[in-house]
Amino acid sequence: MSRFRIEARSCFTEIARRHGDFALVAAATLLTLDAAGTIAEARIALGGVGPTPIRARAAEQLLIGELPNEQMFRAAAAALEPALDPQEDIHASSDYRRHLASVLVRRALTTAASRTNLPLPLGEGKGEGCG
């Protein structure tokens, strides 16, 4: 089990039909920035997009060594969509779950990055979406 540095910042967010319901999709992110402000470590996990929770390792790797910004977060979110194969059920189509996953990951990355002590070029809407 790896330990995360104290500088790590995280965000968990989910979409459910009603408060207390199981999530249609959930996203958890963790970012650690180095002294230069670039992403030293990134973790992205998703629920509701497969039979078990998954790690989005390809999207994580896109972020390593980059400055945290909206463009990078959108690229990471877009990179995970083709790899997802969520089941369709009475609550949501697979396309809708895939779309939600992308949106929630982008929001969670933005919020996690905004919780650091470094000034970040995040633009509008930073910090939306995580409790």
C-alpha atoms as a PDB file:
ATOM      1  CA  MET A   1       0.000   0.000   0.000  1.00  0.00           C
ATOM      2  CA  SER A   2       1.491   3.329  -1.001  1.00  0.00           C
ATOM      3  CA  ARG A   3       1.379   6.329   1.247  1.00  0.00           C
ATOM      4  CA  PHE A   4       0.537   9.754  -0.058  1.00  0.00           C
ATOM      5  CA  ARG A   5       2.489  12.838   0.823  1.00  0.00           C
ATOM      6  CA  ILE A   6       0.875  15.443   3.012  1.00  0.00           C
ATOM      7  CA  GLU A   7       0.857  17.796   0.011  1.00  0.00           C
ATOM      8  CA  ALA A   8      -1.595  15.533  -1.821  1.00  0.00           C
ATOM      9  CA  ARG A   9      -5.010  17.021  -2.494  1.00  0.00           C
ATOM     10  CA  SER A  10      -8.117  15.066  -3.350  1.00  0.00           C
ATOM     11  CA  CYS A  11     -11.728  15.289  -4.369  1.00  0.00           C
ATOM     12  CA  PHE A  12     -14.597  12.795  -4.441  1.00  0.00           C
ATOM     13  CA  THR A  13     -17.806  13.558  -6.273  1.00  0.00           C
ATOM     14  CA  GLU A  14     -20.790  11.557  -7.483  1.00  0.00           C
ATOM     15  CA  ILE A  15     -24.098  11.839  -9.286  1.00  0.00           C
ATOM     16  CA  ALA A  16     -27.145  10.058  -7.909  1.00  0.00           C
ATOM     17  CA  ARG A  17     -30.819  10.435  -8.745  1.00  0.00           C
ATOM     18  CA  ARG A  18     -31.718  11.255  -5.144  1.00  0.00           C
ATOM     19  CA  HIS A  19     -29.667  11.986  -2.033  1.00  0.00           C
ATOM     20  CA  GLY A  20     -28.687   8.676  -0.454  1.00  0.00           C
ATOM     21  CA  ASP A  21     -29.132   6.609  -3.621  1.00  0.00           C
ATOM     22  CA  PHE A  22     -26.303   4.603  -5.096  1.00  0.00           C
ATOM     23  CA  ALA A  23     -24.232   6.750  -7.432  1.00  0.00           C
ATOM     24  CA  LEU A  24     -24.866   6.510 -11.161  1.00  0.00           C
ATOM     25  CA  VAL A  25     -21.196   7.483 -11.489  1.00  0.00           C
ATOM     26  CA  ALA A  26     -18.594   8.451  -8.879  1.00  0.00           C
ATOM     27  CA  ALA A  27     -15.115   9.919  -9.372  1.00  0.00           C
ATOM     28  CA  ALA A  28     -12.237  10.224  -6.928  1.00  0.00           C
ATOM     29  CA  THR A  29      -9.053  12.096  -7.752  1.00  0.00           C
ATOM     30  CA  LEU A  30      -5.799  12.786  -5.973  1.00  0.00           C
ATOM     31  CA  LEU A  31      -3.075  15.192  -7.106  1.00  0.00           C
ATOM     32  CA  THR A  32       0.352  15.877  -5.667  1.00  0.00           C
ATOM     33  CA  LEU A  33       2.252  18.866  -7.015  1.00  0.00           C
ATOM     34  CA  ASP A  34       5.994  19.355  -6.821  1.00  0.00           C
ATOM     35  CA  ALA A  35       7.721  22.597  -5.782  1.00  0.00           C
ATOM     36  CA  ALA A  36       7.574  23.869  -9.377  1.00  0.00           C
ATOM     37  CA  GLY A  37       3.812  23.400  -9.436  1.00  0.00           C
ATOM     38  CA  THR A  38       3.763  20.489 -11.881  1.00  0.00           C
ATOM     39  CA  ILE A  39       1.819  17.315 -11.189  1.00  0.00           C
ATOM     40  CA  ALA A  40       4.117  14.767  -9.544  1.00  0.00           C
ATOM     41  CA  GLU A  41       1.420  12.180  -8.867  1.00  0.00           C
ATOM     42  CA  ALA A  42      -2.128  11.692 -10.110  1.00  0.00           C
ATOM     43  CA  ARG A  43      -4.747   9.117  -9.204  1.00  0.00           C
ATOM     44  CA  ILE A  44      -8.179   8.799 -10.785  1.00  0.00           C
ATOM     45  CA  ALA A  45     -10.725   6.184  -9.722  1.00  0.00           C
ATOM     46  CA  LEU A  46     -14.270   5.694 -10.997  1.00  0.00           C
ATOM     47  CA  GLY A  47     -17.323   3.826  -9.804  1.00  0.00           C
ATOM     48  CA  GLY A  48     -20.531   3.045 -11.684  1.00  0.00           C
ATOM     49  CA  VAL A  49     -18.778   2.559 -15.016  1.00  0.00           C
ATOM     50  CA  GLY A  50     -18.102  -1.158 -14.740  1.00  0.00           C
ATOM     51  CA  PRO A  51     -18.770  -4.170 -12.532  1.00  0.00           C
ATOM     52  CA  THR A  52     -16.097  -2.949 -10.071  1.00  0.00           C
ATOM     53  CA  PRO A  53     -14.413   0.412  -9.422  1.00  0.00           C
ATOM     54  CA  ILE A  54     -11.596   1.150 -11.860  1.00  0.00           C
ATOM     55  CA  ARG A  55      -8.399   3.196 -11.979  1.00  0.00           C
ATOM     56  CA  ALA A  56      -7.943   5.394 -15.037  1.00  0.00           C
ATOM     57  CA  ARG A  57      -4.195   4.821 -15.366  1.00  0.00           C
ATOM     58  CA  ALA A  58      -3.853   6.163 -18.929  1.00  0.00           C
ATOM     59  CA  ALA A  59      -5.535   9.431 -17.913  1.00  0.00           C
ATOM     60  CA  GLU A  60      -3.306   9.610 -14.814  1.00  0.00           C
ATOM     61  CA  GLN A  61      -0.160   9.263 -16.934  1.00  0.00           C
ATOM     62  CA  LEU A  62      -1.219  12.160 -19.178  1.00  0.00           C
ATOM     63  CA  LEU A  63      -1.109  14.472 -16.178  1.00  0.00           C
ATOM     64  CA  ILE A  64       2.299  13.558 -14.730  1.00  0.00           C
ATOM     65  CA  GLY A  65       4.858  16.325 -15.288  1.00  0.00           C
ATOM     66  CA  GLU A  66       2.261  18.808 -16.544  1.00  0.00           C
ATOM     67  CA  LEU A  67       1.036  22.039 -15.026  1.00  0.00           C
ATOM     68  CA  PRO A  68      -2.481  21.632 -13.643  1.00  0.00           C
ATOM     69  CA  ASN A  69      -4.887  23.532 -15.864  1.00  0.00           C
ATOM     70  CA  GLU A  70      -8.281  23.176 -17.475  1.00  0.00           C
ATOM     71  CA  GLN A  71      -6.844  22.038 -20.810  1.00  0.00           C
ATOM     72  CA  MET A  72      -4.902  19.159 -19.196  1.00  0.00           C
ATOM     73  CA  PHE A  73      -7.900  18.130 -17.102  1.00  0.00           C
ATOM     74  CA  ARG A  74     -10.135  18.074 -20.181  1.00  0.00           C
ATOM     75  CA  ALA A  75      -7.555  15.966 -22.030  1.00  0.00           C
ATOM     76  CA  ALA A  76      -7.354  13.474 -19.155  1.00  0.00           C
ATOM     77  CA  ALA A  77     -11.161  13.265 -18.949  1.00  0.00           C
ATOM     78  CA  ALA A  78     -11.434  12.743 -22.719  1.00  0.00           C
ATOM     79  CA  ALA A  79      -8.753  10.033 -22.611  1.00  0.00           C
ATOM     80  CA  LEU A  80     -10.730   7.889 -20.205  1.00  0.00           C
ATOM     81  CA  GLU A  81     -14.010   7.849 -22.166  1.00  0.00           C
ATOM     82  CA  PRO A  82     -13.027   5.286 -24.854  1.00  0.00           C
ATOM     83  CA  ALA A  83     -11.680   2.907 -22.190  1.00  0.00           C
ATOM     84  CA  LEU A  84     -14.986   2.834 -20.300  1.00  0.00           C
ATOM     85  CA  ASP A  85     -17.628   0.235 -21.049  1.00  0.00           C
ATOM     86  CA  PRO A  86     -20.392   0.887 -18.517  1.00  0.00           C
ATOM     87  CA  GLN A  87     -23.477  -1.275 -18.446  1.00  0.00           C
ATOM     88  CA  GLU A  88     -26.806   0.185 -19.417  1.00  0.00           C
ATOM     89  CA  ASP A  89     -29.654  -0.236 -16.955  1.00  0.00           C
ATOM     90  CA  ILE A  90     -32.994   1.332 -16.062  1.00  0.00           C
ATOM     91  CA  HIS A  91     -31.207   4.247 -14.380  1.00  0.00           C
ATOM     92  CA  ALA A  92     -28.794   5.375 -17.121  1.00  0.00           C
ATOM     93  CA  SER A  93     -27.569   4.476 -20.579  1.00  0.00           C
ATOM     94  CA  SER A  94     -23.936   3.510 -21.070  1.00  0.00           C
ATOM     95  CA  ASP A  95     -23.360   6.687 -23.111  1.00  0.00           C
ATOM     96  CA  TYR A  96     -24.759   8.826 -20.298  1.00  0.00           C
ATOM     97  CA  ARG A  97     -22.552   7.099 -17.693  1.00  0.00           C
ATOM     98  CA  ARG A  98     -19.509   7.569 -19.939  1.00  0.00           C
ATOM     99  CA  HIS A  99     -20.325  11.275 -20.325  1.00  0.00           C
ATOM    100  CA  LEU A 100     -20.886  11.700 -16.576  1.00  0.00           C
ATOM    101  CA  ALA A 101     -17.543  10.040 -15.845  1.00  0.00           C
ATOM    102  CA  SER A 102     -15.742  12.518 -18.075  1.00  0.00           C
ATOM    103  CA  VAL A 103     -17.474  15.538 -16.545  1.00  0.00           C
ATOM    104  CA  LEU A 104     -16.971  14.350 -12.964  1.00  0.00           C
ATOM    105  CA  VAL A 105     -13.272  13.588 -13.499  1.00  0.00           C
ATOM    106  CA  ARG A 106     -12.656  17.051 -14.950  1.00  0.00           C
ATOM    107  CA  ARG A 107     -14.483  18.701 -12.049  1.00  0.00           C
ATOM    108  CA  ALA A 108     -12.753  16.551  -9.436  1.00  0.00           C
ATOM    109  CA  LEU A 109      -9.295  17.271 -10.878  1.00  0.00           C
ATOM    110  CA  THR A 110     -10.042  20.996 -10.939  1.00  0.00           C
ATOM    111  CA  THR A 111     -11.207  20.942  -7.332  1.00  0.00           C
ATOM    112  CA  ALA A 112      -8.282  18.837  -6.107  1.00  0.00           C
ATOM    113  CA  ALA A 113      -5.833  21.220  -7.794  1.00  0.00           C
ATOM    114  CA  SER A 114      -7.577  24.273  -6.341  1.00  0.00           C
ATOM    115  CA  ARG A 115      -7.003  22.885  -2.834  1.00  0.00           C
ATOM    116  CA  THR A 116      -3.223  23.231  -3.093  1.00  0.00           C
ATOM    117  CA  ASN A 117      -1.259  26.190  -1.745  1.00  0.00           C
ATOM    118  CA  LEU A 118       0.212  27.037  -5.143  1.00  0.00           C
ATOM    119  CA  PRO A 119      -1.293  29.632  -7.501  1.00  0.00           C
ATOM    120  CA  LEU A 120      -2.828  27.714 -10.392  1.00  0.00           C
ATOM    121  CA  PRO A 121      -3.967  28.770 -13.873  1.00  0.00           C
ATOM    122  CA  LEU A 122      -7.342  27.042 -13.551  1.00  0.00           C
ATOM    123  CA  GLY A 123      -9.615  29.691 -15.030  1.00  0.00           C
ATOM    124  CA  GLU A 124     -13.345  29.926 -14.484  1.00  0.00           C
ATOM    125  CA  GLY A 125     -15.324  27.485 -12.367  1.00  0.00           C
ATOM    126  CA  LYS A 126     -12.490  26.201 -10.214  1.00  0.00           C
ATOM    127  CA  GLY A 127     -13.525  24.137  -7.271  1.00  0.00           C
ATOM    128  CA  GLU A 128     -16.998  23.194  -8.461  1.00  0.00           C
ATOM    129  CA  GLY A 129     -18.394  19.801  -7.699  1.00  0.00           C
ATOM    130  CA  CYS A 130     -16.759  18.307  -4.579  1.00  0.00           C
ATOM    131  CA  GLY A 131     -17.970  18.294  -1.067  1.00  0.00           C
END
